[in-house]
Amino acid sequence: MGYIGQCRGINLKWIATNITQGSGKVIKEPKLPLKTKTVDENFMVVKNSANLALSHNLSGFHMYGPDLCLIADVLGFNAYVIDFNIIHKSNGNPDESFRRLRKAFIKKYNHAFRGRFMTTTITRYYLSGNWFTAWFYNLQPIKFFVRQYYKAFKPKKLYVLEVKKDA
């Protein structure tokens, strides 16, 4: 375990909650703790040894719970909703700030988790969240043609970092 909270999404259909809303309404999942994909920003406990950090290019009040959970998942940790009820003074506020940050979050992680070719000194491979795409692009003939494309259209000089000297 690396990350716990008291409400959020288990999967695309189910959410697990243990919270008292500002209106006084208590929403409590009967079976806790539950492994989850994200936790809400109103209460989080992060194991210090997990060494998690917030994304530097996302800021604001919303979406840092999912940000930390996604980073934790990449690092091999899990998130859980626990049996700890707190009072949240509002019933949620999906305002313009929330919509803007949600859009930025999706854009950031779509880019971060895009499929890509990787090259080390001794191997080449393709990473993808889609098993078929990963299998296809890791076939030797496909990698050969991709390498020929890079050789013809993406010369090494395009990757040279130009350092500006201070005047």
N, C-alpha and C. Protein backbone atom coordinates (compact mmCIF):
# COMPACT_ATOMS: atom_id res chain seq x y z
N MET A 1 0.85 -1.18 0.00
CA MET A 1 0.00 0.00 0.00
C MET A 1 0.89 1.24 0.00
N GLY A 2 0.46 2.26 -0.74
CA GLY A 2 1.22 3.48 -0.75
C GLY A 2 0.37 4.72 -0.59
N TYR A 3 -0.98 4.59 -0.74
CA TYR A 3 -1.79 5.77 -0.85
C TYR A 3 -3.21 5.45 -0.42
N ILE A 4 -3.77 6.21 0.53
CA ILE A 4 -5.14 5.96 0.97
C ILE A 4 -5.94 7.25 1.05
N GLY A 5 -7.25 7.12 0.95
CA GLY A 5 -8.15 8.25 1.05
C GLY A 5 -9.52 7.74 1.45
N GLN A 6 -10.54 8.62 1.40
CA GLN A 6 -11.84 8.15 1.83
C GLN A 6 -12.92 8.22 0.76
N CYS A 7 -12.60 8.58 -0.45
CA CYS A 7 -13.59 8.40 -1.52
C CYS A 7 -12.93 8.56 -2.89
N ARG A 8 -13.48 7.80 -3.87
CA ARG A 8 -13.10 7.95 -5.27
C ARG A 8 -13.51 6.76 -6.09
N GLY A 9 -12.99 6.74 -7.33
CA GLY A 9 -13.42 5.76 -8.32
C GLY A 9 -12.66 4.44 -8.24
N ILE A 10 -13.42 3.35 -8.22
CA ILE A 10 -12.84 2.00 -8.24
C ILE A 10 -12.55 1.60 -9.68
N ASN A 11 -13.51 1.85 -10.56
CA ASN A 11 -13.34 1.61 -11.99
C ASN A 11 -14.28 2.56 -12.73
N LEU A 12 -14.50 2.34 -14.00
CA LEU A 12 -15.31 3.27 -14.79
C LEU A 12 -16.76 3.34 -14.32
N LYS A 13 -17.27 2.29 -13.70
CA LYS A 13 -18.66 2.27 -13.24
C LYS A 13 -18.82 2.58 -11.76
N TRP A 14 -17.97 2.06 -10.89
CA TRP A 14 -18.18 2.11 -9.45
C TRP A 14 -17.29 3.14 -8.75
N ILE A 15 -17.90 3.86 -7.81
CA ILE A 15 -17.12 4.71 -6.92
C ILE A 15 -17.32 4.20 -5.50
N ALA A 16 -16.35 4.43 -4.66
CA ALA A 16 -16.45 4.06 -3.24
C ALA A 16 -16.30 5.33 -2.43
N THR A 17 -17.19 5.53 -1.49
CA THR A 17 -17.21 6.77 -0.73
C THR A 17 -17.42 6.50 0.75
N ASN A 18 -16.77 7.30 1.57
CA ASN A 18 -16.99 7.29 3.01
C ASN A 18 -16.85 8.74 3.46
N ILE A 19 -17.94 9.49 3.29
CA ILE A 19 -17.87 10.93 3.52
C ILE A 19 -19.22 11.45 4.01
N THR A 20 -19.19 12.51 4.77
CA THR A 20 -20.39 13.25 5.14
C THR A 20 -20.34 14.56 4.38
N GLN A 21 -21.34 14.78 3.52
CA GLN A 21 -21.36 15.99 2.71
C GLN A 21 -21.75 17.20 3.56
N GLY A 22 -21.53 18.38 3.02
CA GLY A 22 -21.86 19.61 3.72
C GLY A 22 -23.33 19.69 4.09
N SER A 23 -24.18 19.04 3.31
CA SER A 23 -25.62 19.03 3.59
C SER A 23 -25.97 18.12 4.77
N GLY A 24 -24.97 17.33 5.24
CA GLY A 24 -25.21 16.39 6.33
C GLY A 24 -25.47 14.97 5.86
N LYS A 25 -25.61 14.79 4.56
CA LYS A 25 -25.85 13.47 4.00
C LYS A 25 -24.59 12.61 4.14
N VAL A 26 -24.74 11.42 4.74
CA VAL A 26 -23.64 10.48 4.90
C VAL A 26 -23.68 9.47 3.76
N ILE A 27 -22.56 9.33 3.06
CA ILE A 27 -22.44 8.36 1.98
C ILE A 27 -21.31 7.42 2.36
N LYS A 28 -21.65 6.15 2.62
CA LYS A 28 -20.64 5.21 3.12
C LYS A 28 -20.75 3.88 2.41
N GLU A 29 -19.64 3.47 1.86
CA GLU A 29 -19.52 2.16 1.25
C GLU A 29 -19.54 1.12 2.37
N PRO A 30 -20.36 0.04 2.25
CA PRO A 30 -20.44 -0.94 3.34
C PRO A 30 -19.18 -1.80 3.52
N LYS A 31 -18.44 -2.04 2.46
CA LYS A 31 -17.26 -2.92 2.56
C LYS A 31 -15.99 -2.12 2.28
N LEU A 32 -15.28 -1.79 3.32
CA LEU A 32 -14.02 -1.03 3.19
C LEU A 32 -12.94 -1.74 3.99
N PRO A 33 -11.69 -1.65 3.61
CA PRO A 33 -11.11 -0.85 2.54
C PRO A 33 -11.33 -1.50 1.17
N LEU A 34 -11.26 -0.66 0.12
CA LEU A 34 -11.37 -1.10 -1.26
C LEU A 34 -10.23 -0.51 -2.07
N LYS A 35 -9.65 -1.34 -2.91
CA LYS A 35 -8.62 -0.87 -3.84
C LYS A 35 -9.31 0.03 -4.87
N THR A 36 -8.68 1.14 -5.21
CA THR A 36 -9.30 2.11 -6.10
C THR A 36 -8.28 2.64 -7.11
N LYS A 37 -8.77 3.32 -8.11
CA LYS A 37 -7.90 3.94 -9.11
C LYS A 37 -7.46 5.34 -8.68
N THR A 38 -8.35 6.06 -7.98
CA THR A 38 -8.05 7.42 -7.54
C THR A 38 -8.63 7.65 -6.16
N VAL A 39 -8.17 8.68 -5.51
CA VAL A 39 -8.80 9.15 -4.27
C VAL A 39 -9.07 10.64 -4.42
N ASP A 40 -10.01 11.12 -3.63
CA ASP A 40 -10.40 12.52 -3.71
C ASP A 40 -9.41 13.40 -2.95
N GLU A 41 -9.37 14.66 -3.31
CA GLU A 41 -8.41 15.59 -2.72
C GLU A 41 -8.76 16.03 -1.30
N ASN A 42 -9.94 15.67 -0.80
CA ASN A 42 -10.30 16.19 0.52
C ASN A 42 -9.64 15.45 1.68
N PHE A 43 -9.11 14.26 1.46
CA PHE A 43 -8.34 13.56 2.49
C PHE A 43 -7.46 12.51 1.84
N MET A 44 -6.17 12.60 2.08
CA MET A 44 -5.21 11.64 1.52
C MET A 44 -4.12 11.37 2.53
N VAL A 45 -3.69 10.14 2.57
CA VAL A 45 -2.52 9.76 3.36
C VAL A 45 -1.57 9.07 2.39
N VAL A 46 -0.36 9.56 2.34
CA VAL A 46 0.63 9.00 1.43
C VAL A 46 1.81 8.49 2.26
N LYS A 47 2.17 7.26 2.02
CA LYS A 47 3.32 6.66 2.69
C LYS A 47 4.58 7.42 2.26
N ASN A 48 5.31 7.95 3.21
CA ASN A 48 6.50 8.76 2.92
C ASN A 48 7.51 8.00 2.06
N SER A 49 7.69 6.72 2.34
CA SER A 49 8.69 5.94 1.59
C SER A 49 8.29 5.72 0.14
N ALA A 50 7.02 6.01 -0.22
CA ALA A 50 6.60 5.89 -1.62
C ALA A 50 7.27 6.97 -2.47
N ASN A 51 7.70 8.06 -1.83
CA ASN A 51 8.42 9.14 -2.51
C ASN A 51 7.64 9.71 -3.70
N LEU A 52 6.35 9.93 -3.49
CA LEU A 52 5.51 10.49 -4.55
C LEU A 52 5.65 12.00 -4.59
N ALA A 53 5.42 12.55 -5.75
CA ALA A 53 5.45 14.01 -5.92
C ALA A 53 4.34 14.41 -6.88
N LEU A 54 3.85 15.61 -6.72
CA LEU A 54 2.85 16.14 -7.64
C LEU A 54 3.52 16.54 -8.95
N SER A 55 2.77 16.48 -10.03
CA SER A 55 3.28 16.92 -11.32
C SER A 55 3.55 18.42 -11.28
N HIS A 56 4.69 18.83 -11.76
CA HIS A 56 5.04 20.26 -11.74
C HIS A 56 4.24 21.06 -12.75
N ASN A 57 3.69 20.41 -13.76
CA ASN A 57 2.98 21.14 -14.81
C ASN A 57 1.45 21.07 -14.67
N LEU A 58 0.97 20.64 -13.51
CA LEU A 58 -0.45 20.72 -13.18
C LEU A 58 -0.56 21.51 -11.89
N SER A 59 -1.42 22.50 -11.87
CA SER A 59 -1.56 23.28 -10.64
C SER A 59 -3.03 23.58 -10.41
N GLY A 60 -3.35 23.95 -9.21
CA GLY A 60 -4.73 24.27 -8.87
C GLY A 60 -5.27 23.30 -7.84
N PHE A 61 -6.52 23.48 -7.49
CA PHE A 61 -7.12 22.72 -6.42
C PHE A 61 -7.59 21.33 -6.84
N HIS A 62 -7.96 21.15 -8.09
CA HIS A 62 -8.54 19.90 -8.55
C HIS A 62 -7.50 18.99 -9.22
N MET A 63 -7.77 17.72 -9.24
CA MET A 63 -7.06 16.69 -10.01
C MET A 63 -5.69 16.29 -9.45
N TYR A 64 -5.27 16.80 -8.31
CA TYR A 64 -3.99 16.33 -7.78
C TYR A 64 -4.13 14.97 -7.10
N GLY A 65 -5.33 14.58 -6.69
CA GLY A 65 -5.56 13.23 -6.16
C GLY A 65 -5.35 12.19 -7.25
N PRO A 66 -6.04 12.32 -8.39
CA PRO A 66 -5.78 11.39 -9.49
C PRO A 66 -4.34 11.43 -9.99
N ASP A 67 -3.73 12.61 -9.97
CA ASP A 67 -2.32 12.75 -10.38
C ASP A 67 -1.42 11.89 -9.50
N LEU A 68 -1.55 12.03 -8.19
CA LEU A 68 -0.74 11.22 -7.27
C LEU A 68 -1.04 9.73 -7.41
N CYS A 69 -2.30 9.38 -7.58
CA CYS A 69 -2.66 7.96 -7.73
C CYS A 69 -2.06 7.36 -8.99
N LEU A 70 -2.07 8.11 -10.07
CA LEU A 70 -1.50 7.62 -11.32
C LEU A 70 0.01 7.44 -11.20
N ILE A 71 0.67 8.40 -10.58
CA ILE A 71 2.12 8.29 -10.35
C ILE A 71 2.41 7.10 -9.44
N ALA A 72 1.61 6.92 -8.40
CA ALA A 72 1.78 5.78 -7.49
C ALA A 72 1.63 4.47 -8.25
N ASP A 73 0.64 4.39 -9.13
CA ASP A 73 0.42 3.18 -9.92
C ASP A 73 1.63 2.87 -10.81
N VAL A 74 2.16 3.88 -11.46
CA VAL A 74 3.34 3.69 -12.30
C VAL A 74 4.52 3.17 -11.47
N LEU A 75 4.62 3.64 -10.23
CA LEU A 75 5.72 3.21 -9.35
C LEU A 75 5.45 1.89 -8.64
N GLY A 76 4.29 1.28 -8.91
CA GLY A 76 3.99 -0.04 -8.35
C GLY A 76 3.21 -0.03 -7.04
N PHE A 77 2.65 1.11 -6.67
CA PHE A 77 1.86 1.20 -5.45
C PHE A 77 0.37 1.15 -5.79
N ASN A 78 -0.46 0.99 -4.77
CA ASN A 78 -1.90 0.96 -4.94
C ASN A 78 -2.54 2.06 -4.12
N ALA A 79 -3.77 2.41 -4.49
CA ALA A 79 -4.57 3.37 -3.74
C ALA A 79 -5.78 2.64 -3.17
N TYR A 80 -6.21 3.06 -1.98
CA TYR A 80 -7.34 2.42 -1.32
C TYR A 80 -8.27 3.47 -0.72
N VAL A 81 -9.56 3.16 -0.71
CA VAL A 81 -10.54 3.93 0.06
C VAL A 81 -10.66 3.20 1.39
N ILE A 82 -10.54 3.94 2.49
CA ILE A 82 -10.54 3.32 3.82
C ILE A 82 -11.78 3.71 4.62
N ASP A 83 -11.98 3.03 5.73
CA ASP A 83 -13.11 3.28 6.62
C ASP A 83 -12.76 4.43 7.57
N PHE A 84 -12.81 5.65 7.04
CA PHE A 84 -12.51 6.85 7.81
C PHE A 84 -13.41 7.95 7.28
N ASN A 85 -14.46 8.28 8.02
CA ASN A 85 -15.43 9.26 7.56
C ASN A 85 -15.02 10.66 8.00
N ILE A 86 -15.09 11.60 7.05
CA ILE A 86 -14.85 13.01 7.38
C ILE A 86 -16.01 13.84 6.84
N ILE A 87 -16.10 15.07 7.31
CA ILE A 87 -17.11 16.00 6.80
C ILE A 87 -16.47 16.85 5.72
N HIS A 88 -17.08 16.83 4.57
CA HIS A 88 -16.65 17.67 3.46
C HIS A 88 -17.65 18.81 3.38
N LYS A 89 -17.19 20.04 3.49
CA LYS A 89 -18.10 21.18 3.65
C LYS A 89 -18.94 21.50 2.43
N SER A 90 -18.63 20.87 1.31
CA SER A 90 -19.48 21.11 0.12
C SER A 90 -19.90 19.76 -0.45
N ASN A 91 -20.74 19.81 -1.44
CA ASN A 91 -21.16 18.58 -2.13
C ASN A 91 -20.36 18.39 -3.41
N GLY A 92 -19.27 19.10 -3.54
CA GLY A 92 -18.46 19.05 -4.75
C GLY A 92 -18.67 20.32 -5.56
N ASN A 93 -17.67 20.70 -6.34
CA ASN A 93 -17.76 21.95 -7.07
C ASN A 93 -17.11 21.81 -8.45
N PRO A 94 -17.80 21.17 -9.40
CA PRO A 94 -17.21 21.06 -10.74
C PRO A 94 -17.38 22.35 -11.54
N ASP A 95 -16.64 23.38 -11.13
CA ASP A 95 -16.72 24.69 -11.76
C ASP A 95 -15.80 24.78 -12.97
N GLU A 96 -15.62 25.97 -13.50
CA GLU A 96 -14.76 26.17 -14.67
C GLU A 96 -13.31 25.78 -14.38
N SER A 97 -12.84 26.05 -13.17
CA SER A 97 -11.49 25.66 -12.76
C SER A 97 -11.32 24.14 -12.82
N PHE A 98 -12.33 23.43 -12.36
CA PHE A 98 -12.29 21.96 -12.42
C PHE A 98 -12.22 21.49 -13.87
N ARG A 99 -13.07 22.03 -14.73
CA ARG A 99 -13.09 21.60 -16.13
C ARG A 99 -11.77 21.90 -16.83
N ARG A 100 -11.17 23.05 -16.54
CA ARG A 100 -9.88 23.41 -17.13
C ARG A 100 -8.78 22.44 -16.66
N LEU A 101 -8.76 22.15 -15.36
CA LEU A 101 -7.73 21.24 -14.83
C LEU A 101 -7.95 19.81 -15.29
N ARG A 102 -9.19 19.38 -15.43
CA ARG A 102 -9.49 18.04 -15.95
C ARG A 102 -8.95 17.92 -17.37
N LYS A 103 -9.17 18.94 -18.19
CA LYS A 103 -8.68 18.94 -19.58
C LYS A 103 -7.15 18.89 -19.61
N ALA A 104 -6.50 19.68 -18.75
CA ALA A 104 -5.03 19.69 -18.69
C ALA A 104 -4.48 18.34 -18.22
N PHE A 105 -5.16 17.72 -17.26
CA PHE A 105 -4.76 16.41 -16.74
C PHE A 105 -4.83 15.36 -17.85
N ILE A 106 -5.93 15.34 -18.57
CA ILE A 106 -6.10 14.37 -19.67
C ILE A 106 -5.05 14.59 -20.74
N LYS A 107 -4.81 15.84 -21.10
CA LYS A 107 -3.80 16.15 -22.12
C LYS A 107 -2.41 15.69 -21.67
N LYS A 108 -2.07 15.97 -20.41
CA LYS A 108 -0.75 15.60 -19.89
C LYS A 108 -0.54 14.09 -19.95
N TYR A 109 -1.51 13.32 -19.45
CA TYR A 109 -1.32 11.87 -19.39
C TYR A 109 -1.54 11.17 -20.72
N ASN A 110 -2.33 11.75 -21.62
CA ASN A 110 -2.39 11.20 -22.97
C ASN A 110 -1.02 11.29 -23.62
N HIS A 111 -0.34 12.40 -23.38
CA HIS A 111 1.02 12.56 -23.92
C HIS A 111 2.01 11.64 -23.20
N ALA A 112 1.94 11.59 -21.88
CA ALA A 112 2.89 10.80 -21.10
C ALA A 112 2.79 9.31 -21.42
N PHE A 113 1.58 8.82 -21.65
CA PHE A 113 1.38 7.39 -21.88
C PHE A 113 1.20 7.02 -23.34
N ARG A 114 1.60 7.91 -24.23
CA ARG A 114 1.48 7.60 -25.65
C ARG A 114 2.40 6.42 -26.00
N GLY A 115 2.05 5.70 -27.02
CA GLY A 115 2.93 4.64 -27.49
C GLY A 115 4.21 5.25 -28.04
N ARG A 116 5.32 4.51 -27.88
CA ARG A 116 6.59 5.05 -28.36
C ARG A 116 7.63 3.96 -28.55
N PHE A 117 8.52 4.23 -29.47
CA PHE A 117 9.68 3.36 -29.65
C PHE A 117 10.76 3.78 -28.67
N MET A 118 11.42 2.80 -28.10
CA MET A 118 12.53 3.05 -27.18
C MET A 118 13.76 2.34 -27.74
N THR A 119 14.91 2.95 -27.55
CA THR A 119 16.16 2.37 -28.02
C THR A 119 17.20 2.47 -26.91
N THR A 120 17.84 1.35 -26.63
CA THR A 120 18.99 1.36 -25.73
C THR A 120 20.20 0.99 -26.57
N THR A 121 21.33 0.84 -25.95
CA THR A 121 22.52 0.48 -26.72
C THR A 121 22.45 -0.95 -27.25
N ILE A 122 21.59 -1.79 -26.67
CA ILE A 122 21.56 -3.18 -27.12
C ILE A 122 20.19 -3.70 -27.57
N THR A 123 19.15 -2.87 -27.51
CA THR A 123 17.84 -3.36 -27.94
C THR A 123 16.94 -2.20 -28.37
N ARG A 124 15.93 -2.55 -29.13
CA ARG A 124 14.90 -1.60 -29.56
C ARG A 124 13.55 -2.25 -29.29
N TYR A 125 12.58 -1.45 -28.83
CA TYR A 125 11.27 -2.02 -28.55
C TYR A 125 10.23 -0.91 -28.58
N TYR A 126 8.98 -1.33 -28.65
CA TYR A 126 7.86 -0.41 -28.67
C TYR A 126 7.03 -0.61 -27.42
N LEU A 127 6.67 0.49 -26.74
CA LEU A 127 5.82 0.44 -25.55
C LEU A 127 4.44 0.98 -25.90
N SER A 128 3.43 0.29 -25.44
CA SER A 128 2.06 0.74 -25.66
C SER A 128 1.16 0.12 -24.61
N GLY A 129 0.10 0.81 -24.28
CA GLY A 129 -0.89 0.25 -23.38
C GLY A 129 -1.82 -0.73 -24.09
N ASN A 130 -1.72 -0.82 -25.38
CA ASN A 130 -2.54 -1.71 -26.18
C ASN A 130 -1.71 -2.93 -26.57
N TRP A 131 -2.14 -4.11 -26.19
CA TRP A 131 -1.34 -5.32 -26.42
C TRP A 131 -1.11 -5.57 -27.91
N PHE A 132 -2.13 -5.32 -28.74
CA PHE A 132 -1.97 -5.59 -30.17
C PHE A 132 -0.96 -4.64 -30.79
N THR A 133 -1.08 -3.36 -30.46
CA THR A 133 -0.13 -2.37 -31.00
C THR A 133 1.29 -2.70 -30.56
N ALA A 134 1.46 -3.06 -29.28
CA ALA A 134 2.79 -3.42 -28.78
C ALA A 134 3.33 -4.65 -29.52
N TRP A 135 2.50 -5.65 -29.68
CA TRP A 135 2.92 -6.87 -30.38
C TRP A 135 3.32 -6.54 -31.82
N PHE A 136 2.46 -5.79 -32.53
CA PHE A 136 2.69 -5.47 -33.94
C PHE A 136 3.98 -4.69 -34.14
N TYR A 137 4.16 -3.60 -33.38
CA TYR A 137 5.33 -2.76 -33.58
C TYR A 137 6.62 -3.40 -33.05
N ASN A 138 6.52 -4.46 -32.29
CA ASN A 138 7.71 -5.18 -31.84
C ASN A 138 8.10 -6.32 -32.77
N LEU A 139 7.36 -6.53 -33.86
CA LEU A 139 7.76 -7.50 -34.87
C LEU A 139 9.01 -6.98 -35.58
N GLN A 140 9.98 -7.85 -35.81
CA GLN A 140 11.24 -7.42 -36.42
C GLN A 140 11.06 -6.71 -37.76
N PRO A 141 10.22 -7.22 -38.69
CA PRO A 141 10.07 -6.50 -39.97
C PRO A 141 9.50 -5.09 -39.79
N ILE A 142 8.59 -4.92 -38.87
CA ILE A 142 8.01 -3.60 -38.63
C ILE A 142 9.07 -2.65 -38.07
N LYS A 143 9.84 -3.13 -37.09
CA LYS A 143 10.92 -2.29 -36.53
C LYS A 143 11.94 -1.94 -37.61
N PHE A 144 12.20 -2.85 -38.53
CA PHE A 144 13.13 -2.58 -39.63
C PHE A 144 12.61 -1.40 -40.47
N PHE A 145 11.34 -1.46 -40.87
CA PHE A 145 10.79 -0.38 -41.70
C PHE A 145 10.71 0.94 -40.94
N VAL A 146 10.42 0.91 -39.68
CA VAL A 146 10.39 2.14 -38.88
C VAL A 146 11.80 2.74 -38.82
N ARG A 147 12.81 1.88 -38.62
CA ARG A 147 14.19 2.38 -38.59
C ARG A 147 14.56 3.01 -39.92
N GLN A 148 14.12 2.44 -41.04
CA GLN A 148 14.41 3.01 -42.35
C GLN A 148 13.73 4.37 -42.52
N TYR A 149 12.53 4.48 -41.97
CA TYR A 149 11.83 5.77 -42.00
C TYR A 149 12.65 6.82 -41.26
N TYR A 150 13.10 6.50 -40.05
CA TYR A 150 13.90 7.45 -39.28
C TYR A 150 15.20 7.78 -40.00
N LYS A 151 15.80 6.80 -40.61
CA LYS A 151 17.05 7.02 -41.34
C LYS A 151 16.83 8.00 -42.49
N ALA A 152 15.70 7.88 -43.18
CA ALA A 152 15.43 8.73 -44.35
C ALA A 152 14.87 10.10 -43.99
N PHE A 153 14.00 10.17 -42.98
CA PHE A 153 13.27 11.40 -42.74
C PHE A 153 13.57 12.10 -41.42
N LYS A 154 14.26 11.45 -40.52
CA LYS A 154 14.55 12.05 -39.21
C LYS A 154 16.04 11.91 -38.90
N PRO A 155 16.89 12.64 -39.65
CA PRO A 155 18.33 12.50 -39.43
C PRO A 155 18.74 12.93 -38.02
N LYS A 156 19.86 12.41 -37.58
CA LYS A 156 20.34 12.66 -36.23
C LYS A 156 20.50 14.14 -35.93
N LYS A 157 20.82 14.94 -36.95
CA LYS A 157 21.03 16.37 -36.73
C LYS A 157 19.77 17.07 -36.22
N LEU A 158 18.59 16.49 -36.45
CA LEU A 158 17.35 17.08 -35.94
C LEU A 158 17.25 16.98 -34.42
N TYR A 159 18.07 16.13 -33.82
CA TYR A 159 18.00 15.89 -32.38
C TYR A 159 19.11 16.59 -31.60
N VAL A 160 19.94 17.34 -32.29
CA VAL A 160 21.05 18.03 -31.63
C VAL A 160 20.50 19.20 -30.82
N LEU A 161 20.87 19.26 -29.56
CA LEU A 161 20.45 20.33 -28.69
C LEU A 161 21.31 21.55 -28.95
N GLU A 162 20.67 22.64 -29.26
CA GLU A 162 21.40 23.88 -29.50
C GLU A 162 21.45 24.65 -28.19
N VAL A 163 22.65 24.91 -27.71
CA VAL A 163 22.83 25.65 -26.47
C VAL A 163 23.20 27.08 -26.82
N LYS A 164 22.40 28.01 -26.28
CA LYS A 164 22.68 29.42 -26.52
C LYS A 164 23.69 29.90 -25.50
N LYS A 165 24.71 30.57 -25.98
CA LYS A 165 25.73 31.11 -25.10
C LYS A 165 25.29 32.49 -24.61
N ASP A 166 25.49 32.72 -23.31
CA ASP A 166 25.16 34.03 -22.75
C ASP A 166 26.10 35.09 -23.28
N ALA A 167 25.54 36.24 -23.58
CA ALA A 167 26.37 37.33 -24.15
C ALA A 167 27.04 38.12 -23.06
